[in-house]
């Protein structure tokens, strides 16, 4: 996989986080504690995305990169980086962009 493929994977991770924030979290009633990256709901979404990315990273390693064995380091690093990018899309800290008129 080259740079463009990883850029595409990062874009999909960011877009997934953004979609969860806009289409799932904004539709729910506002919580008592505002959403932050330490909020239990956000932590659950991050954990689920990390688990999904572990499977996706394993599939990338097996079928695209041709790893003959399970490459644990590749799977963990790829999943951690994708989850980090996902957290930027999920983060409600910059939900109001205050675009000027």
N, C-alpha and C. Protein backbone atom coordinates (compact mmCIF):
# COMPACT_ATOMS: atom_id res chain seq x y z
N UNK A 1 0.85 -1.18 0.00
CA UNK A 1 0.00 0.00 0.00
C UNK A 1 0.89 1.23 0.00
N UNK A 2 0.53 2.16 -0.82
CA UNK A 2 1.30 3.39 -0.92
C UNK A 2 0.68 4.50 -0.10
N UNK A 3 1.27 5.67 -0.24
CA UNK A 3 0.83 6.84 0.50
C UNK A 3 -0.62 7.19 0.19
N UNK A 4 -0.99 7.13 -1.07
CA UNK A 4 -2.35 7.51 -1.46
C UNK A 4 -3.38 6.55 -0.84
N UNK A 5 -3.05 5.28 -0.76
CA UNK A 5 -3.97 4.31 -0.14
C UNK A 5 -4.15 4.59 1.34
N UNK A 6 -3.07 4.92 2.03
CA UNK A 6 -3.19 5.26 3.45
C UNK A 6 -3.91 6.58 3.64
N UNK A 7 -3.73 7.51 2.71
CA UNK A 7 -4.46 8.77 2.77
C UNK A 7 -5.96 8.52 2.60
N UNK A 8 -6.31 7.61 1.70
CA UNK A 8 -7.71 7.25 1.50
C UNK A 8 -8.27 6.57 2.75
N UNK A 9 -7.50 5.68 3.35
CA UNK A 9 -7.94 5.01 4.58
C UNK A 9 -8.14 6.02 5.71
N UNK A 10 -7.25 7.00 5.82
CA UNK A 10 -7.40 8.04 6.83
C UNK A 10 -8.61 8.91 6.57
N UNK A 11 -8.88 9.20 5.29
CA UNK A 11 -10.05 9.99 4.94
C UNK A 11 -11.33 9.24 5.30
N UNK A 12 -11.35 7.95 5.05
CA UNK A 12 -12.52 7.14 5.41
C UNK A 12 -12.70 7.08 6.93
N UNK A 13 -11.60 6.99 7.67
CA UNK A 13 -11.68 6.97 9.13
C UNK A 13 -12.22 8.30 9.65
N UNK A 14 -11.69 9.42 9.12
CA UNK A 14 -12.17 10.73 9.55
C UNK A 14 -13.64 10.91 9.20
N UNK A 15 -14.02 10.52 7.98
CA UNK A 15 -15.42 10.66 7.55
C UNK A 15 -16.34 9.79 8.39
N UNK A 16 -15.87 8.63 8.82
CA UNK A 16 -16.68 7.77 9.69
C UNK A 16 -16.93 8.45 11.03
N UNK A 17 -15.89 9.03 11.61
CA UNK A 17 -16.05 9.75 12.87
C UNK A 17 -16.98 10.94 12.73
N UNK A 18 -16.83 11.68 11.64
CA UNK A 18 -17.69 12.83 11.39
C UNK A 18 -19.15 12.39 11.24
N UNK A 19 -19.36 11.29 10.51
CA UNK A 19 -20.73 10.79 10.30
C UNK A 19 -21.37 10.35 11.60
N UNK A 20 -20.59 9.69 12.47
CA UNK A 20 -21.14 9.28 13.77
C UNK A 20 -21.51 10.52 14.58
N UNK A 21 -20.64 11.54 14.57
CA UNK A 21 -20.92 12.75 15.34
C UNK A 21 -22.16 13.47 14.80
N UNK A 22 -22.27 13.60 13.48
CA UNK A 22 -23.36 14.38 12.90
C UNK A 22 -24.66 13.60 12.87
N UNK A 23 -24.62 12.33 12.47
CA UNK A 23 -25.85 11.59 12.25
C UNK A 23 -26.31 10.75 13.44
N UNK A 24 -25.43 10.49 14.40
CA UNK A 24 -25.83 9.69 15.55
C UNK A 24 -25.87 10.53 16.82
N UNK A 25 -24.74 11.14 17.16
CA UNK A 25 -24.66 11.86 18.43
C UNK A 25 -25.49 13.14 18.44
N UNK A 26 -25.57 13.84 17.32
CA UNK A 26 -26.35 15.08 17.31
C UNK A 26 -27.85 14.82 17.32
N UNK A 27 -28.28 13.61 16.97
CA UNK A 27 -29.70 13.27 16.97
C UNK A 27 -30.19 12.88 18.37
N UNK A 28 -29.26 12.49 19.25
CA UNK A 28 -29.62 12.12 20.61
C UNK A 28 -29.83 13.38 21.44
N UNK A 29 -30.61 13.27 22.53
CA UNK A 29 -30.73 14.42 23.41
C UNK A 29 -29.36 14.76 24.03
N UNK A 30 -29.16 16.03 24.32
CA UNK A 30 -27.88 16.47 24.87
C UNK A 30 -27.64 15.80 26.23
N UNK A 31 -26.45 15.25 26.45
CA UNK A 31 -26.16 14.60 27.73
C UNK A 31 -25.93 15.63 28.83
N UNK A 32 -26.00 15.17 30.08
CA UNK A 32 -25.75 16.07 31.20
C UNK A 32 -24.32 16.58 31.16
N UNK A 33 -23.39 15.69 30.93
CA UNK A 33 -21.99 16.08 30.75
C UNK A 33 -21.76 16.23 29.26
N UNK A 34 -21.18 17.34 28.83
CA UNK A 34 -20.97 17.49 27.38
C UNK A 34 -20.00 16.43 26.85
N UNK A 35 -20.19 16.08 25.58
CA UNK A 35 -19.32 15.08 24.97
C UNK A 35 -17.89 15.60 24.90
N UNK A 36 -16.97 14.75 25.28
CA UNK A 36 -15.54 15.00 25.11
C UNK A 36 -14.92 13.65 24.80
N UNK A 37 -13.63 13.64 24.54
CA UNK A 37 -12.99 12.36 24.20
C UNK A 37 -12.90 11.41 25.39
N UNK A 38 -13.21 11.88 26.58
CA UNK A 38 -13.22 11.00 27.76
C UNK A 38 -14.63 10.61 28.17
N UNK A 39 -15.63 11.08 27.46
CA UNK A 39 -17.02 10.71 27.76
C UNK A 39 -17.20 9.22 27.46
N UNK A 40 -17.93 8.49 28.32
CA UNK A 40 -18.08 7.04 28.11
C UNK A 40 -18.66 6.65 26.75
N UNK A 41 -19.57 7.43 26.21
CA UNK A 41 -20.15 7.11 24.90
C UNK A 41 -19.07 7.23 23.81
N UNK A 42 -18.27 8.28 23.87
CA UNK A 42 -17.21 8.49 22.89
C UNK A 42 -16.16 7.39 23.01
N UNK A 43 -15.82 7.02 24.24
CA UNK A 43 -14.83 5.95 24.45
C UNK A 43 -15.34 4.63 23.87
N UNK A 44 -16.64 4.37 24.00
CA UNK A 44 -17.21 3.15 23.41
C UNK A 44 -17.10 3.17 21.89
N UNK A 45 -17.42 4.29 21.28
CA UNK A 45 -17.29 4.40 19.83
C UNK A 45 -15.84 4.20 19.39
N UNK A 46 -14.90 4.76 20.14
CA UNK A 46 -13.49 4.58 19.81
C UNK A 46 -13.07 3.12 19.93
N UNK A 47 -13.54 2.44 20.98
CA UNK A 47 -13.19 1.03 21.17
C UNK A 47 -13.78 0.16 20.06
N UNK A 48 -15.02 0.43 19.69
CA UNK A 48 -15.65 -0.36 18.62
C UNK A 48 -14.92 -0.11 17.30
N UNK A 49 -14.57 1.16 17.02
CA UNK A 49 -13.85 1.45 15.78
C UNK A 49 -12.48 0.79 15.78
N UNK A 50 -11.80 0.78 16.92
CA UNK A 50 -10.49 0.12 17.01
C UNK A 50 -10.62 -1.37 16.70
N UNK A 51 -11.65 -2.02 17.25
CA UNK A 51 -11.86 -3.44 16.98
C UNK A 51 -12.17 -3.69 15.51
N UNK A 52 -12.99 -2.83 14.91
CA UNK A 52 -13.29 -2.97 13.48
C UNK A 52 -12.02 -2.79 12.65
N UNK A 53 -11.21 -1.81 13.02
CA UNK A 53 -9.98 -1.55 12.27
C UNK A 53 -8.97 -2.68 12.45
N UNK A 54 -9.01 -3.39 13.55
CA UNK A 54 -8.12 -4.55 13.70
C UNK A 54 -8.47 -5.61 12.66
N UNK A 55 -9.75 -5.84 12.45
CA UNK A 55 -10.18 -6.81 11.44
C UNK A 55 -9.83 -6.31 10.05
N UNK A 56 -10.10 -5.02 9.79
CA UNK A 56 -9.78 -4.46 8.48
C UNK A 56 -8.28 -4.50 8.23
N UNK A 57 -7.47 -4.18 9.24
CA UNK A 57 -6.02 -4.22 9.08
C UNK A 57 -5.52 -5.64 8.82
N UNK A 58 -6.13 -6.61 9.49
CA UNK A 58 -5.75 -8.00 9.23
C UNK A 58 -6.08 -8.37 7.78
N UNK A 59 -7.26 -7.95 7.31
CA UNK A 59 -7.65 -8.24 5.93
C UNK A 59 -6.72 -7.54 4.94
N UNK A 60 -6.34 -6.30 5.22
CA UNK A 60 -5.40 -5.59 4.36
C UNK A 60 -4.07 -6.33 4.32
N UNK A 61 -3.60 -6.76 5.48
CA UNK A 61 -2.33 -7.49 5.54
C UNK A 61 -2.38 -8.81 4.79
N UNK A 62 -3.46 -9.54 4.93
CA UNK A 62 -3.58 -10.84 4.29
C UNK A 62 -3.76 -10.74 2.77
N UNK A 63 -4.70 -9.91 2.34
CA UNK A 63 -5.11 -9.95 0.94
C UNK A 63 -4.48 -8.87 0.07
N UNK A 64 -4.10 -7.75 0.63
CA UNK A 64 -3.51 -6.70 -0.19
C UNK A 64 -1.99 -6.72 -0.10
N UNK A 65 -1.48 -6.83 1.12
CA UNK A 65 -0.02 -6.81 1.30
C UNK A 65 0.60 -8.20 1.21
N UNK A 66 -0.19 -9.24 1.29
CA UNK A 66 0.31 -10.60 1.12
C UNK A 66 1.12 -11.14 2.29
N UNK A 67 0.81 -10.69 3.51
CA UNK A 67 1.50 -11.24 4.67
C UNK A 67 1.10 -12.71 4.84
N UNK A 68 2.09 -13.59 5.01
CA UNK A 68 1.78 -15.01 5.15
C UNK A 68 1.35 -15.35 6.57
N UNK A 69 1.83 -14.59 7.54
CA UNK A 69 1.43 -14.78 8.94
C UNK A 69 0.70 -13.53 9.42
N UNK A 70 0.10 -13.65 10.58
CA UNK A 70 -0.57 -12.49 11.17
C UNK A 70 0.50 -11.53 11.66
N UNK A 71 0.52 -10.33 11.09
CA UNK A 71 1.50 -9.30 11.46
C UNK A 71 0.89 -8.43 12.55
N UNK A 72 1.15 -8.80 13.79
CA UNK A 72 0.52 -8.15 14.94
C UNK A 72 0.91 -6.68 15.03
N UNK A 73 2.17 -6.37 14.80
CA UNK A 73 2.63 -4.99 14.89
C UNK A 73 1.91 -4.12 13.85
N UNK A 74 1.82 -4.60 12.61
CA UNK A 74 1.12 -3.86 11.56
C UNK A 74 -0.33 -3.64 11.95
N UNK A 75 -0.98 -4.68 12.45
CA UNK A 75 -2.40 -4.58 12.80
C UNK A 75 -2.61 -3.56 13.92
N UNK A 76 -1.78 -3.62 14.97
CA UNK A 76 -1.95 -2.71 16.10
C UNK A 76 -1.63 -1.26 15.72
N UNK A 77 -0.54 -1.04 15.00
CA UNK A 77 -0.18 0.33 14.63
C UNK A 77 -1.19 0.91 13.65
N UNK A 78 -1.57 0.15 12.65
CA UNK A 78 -2.54 0.63 11.67
C UNK A 78 -3.88 0.94 12.34
N UNK A 79 -4.31 0.09 13.24
CA UNK A 79 -5.58 0.30 13.94
C UNK A 79 -5.51 1.50 14.87
N UNK A 80 -4.38 1.67 15.56
CA UNK A 80 -4.23 2.80 16.47
C UNK A 80 -4.22 4.13 15.71
N UNK A 81 -3.51 4.18 14.59
CA UNK A 81 -3.47 5.41 13.81
C UNK A 81 -4.84 5.72 13.22
N UNK A 82 -5.53 4.73 12.71
CA UNK A 82 -6.86 4.96 12.15
C UNK A 82 -7.84 5.40 13.23
N UNK A 83 -7.73 4.85 14.43
CA UNK A 83 -8.60 5.26 15.53
C UNK A 83 -8.28 6.69 15.96
N UNK A 84 -7.00 7.06 15.93
CA UNK A 84 -6.61 8.43 16.24
C UNK A 84 -7.22 9.41 15.24
N UNK A 85 -7.19 9.08 13.97
CA UNK A 85 -7.79 9.93 12.93
C UNK A 85 -9.31 9.94 13.10
N UNK A 86 -9.91 8.80 13.43
CA UNK A 86 -11.35 8.70 13.68
C UNK A 86 -11.76 9.64 14.81
N UNK A 87 -10.90 9.75 15.83
CA UNK A 87 -11.23 10.60 16.98
C UNK A 87 -11.32 12.07 16.59
N UNK A 88 -10.56 12.51 15.58
CA UNK A 88 -10.68 13.89 15.13
C UNK A 88 -12.04 14.15 14.49
N UNK A 89 -12.55 13.20 13.74
CA UNK A 89 -13.88 13.35 13.16
C UNK A 89 -14.97 13.25 14.19
N UNK A 90 -14.74 12.44 15.21
CA UNK A 90 -15.73 12.21 16.26
C UNK A 90 -15.73 13.32 17.29
N UNK A 91 -14.64 14.01 17.44
CA UNK A 91 -14.47 15.02 18.48
C UNK A 91 -15.47 16.16 18.32
N UNK A 92 -16.28 16.39 19.33
CA UNK A 92 -17.24 17.49 19.25
C UNK A 92 -16.62 18.83 19.65
N UNK A 93 -15.33 18.86 19.91
CA UNK A 93 -14.68 20.10 20.35
C UNK A 93 -14.74 21.19 19.30
N UNK A 94 -14.74 20.81 18.03
CA UNK A 94 -14.76 21.78 16.95
C UNK A 94 -16.02 21.64 16.10
N UNK A 95 -17.12 21.33 16.76
CA UNK A 95 -18.37 21.12 16.01
C UNK A 95 -18.93 22.43 15.46
N UNK A 96 -18.68 23.54 16.15
CA UNK A 96 -19.15 24.84 15.70
C UNK A 96 -17.96 25.56 15.08
N UNK A 97 -17.96 25.69 13.78
CA UNK A 97 -16.80 26.23 13.09
C UNK A 97 -16.81 27.76 13.03
N UNK A 98 -17.89 28.43 13.43
CA UNK A 98 -18.01 29.88 13.45
C UNK A 98 -17.54 30.48 12.13
N UNK A 99 -18.17 30.07 11.05
CA UNK A 99 -17.84 30.58 9.73
C UNK A 99 -18.33 32.03 9.64
N UNK A 100 -17.47 32.96 9.20
CA UNK A 100 -17.92 34.37 9.12
C UNK A 100 -18.93 34.56 7.99
N UNK A 101 -19.71 35.60 8.11
CA UNK A 101 -20.72 35.92 7.09
C UNK A 101 -20.09 36.44 5.83
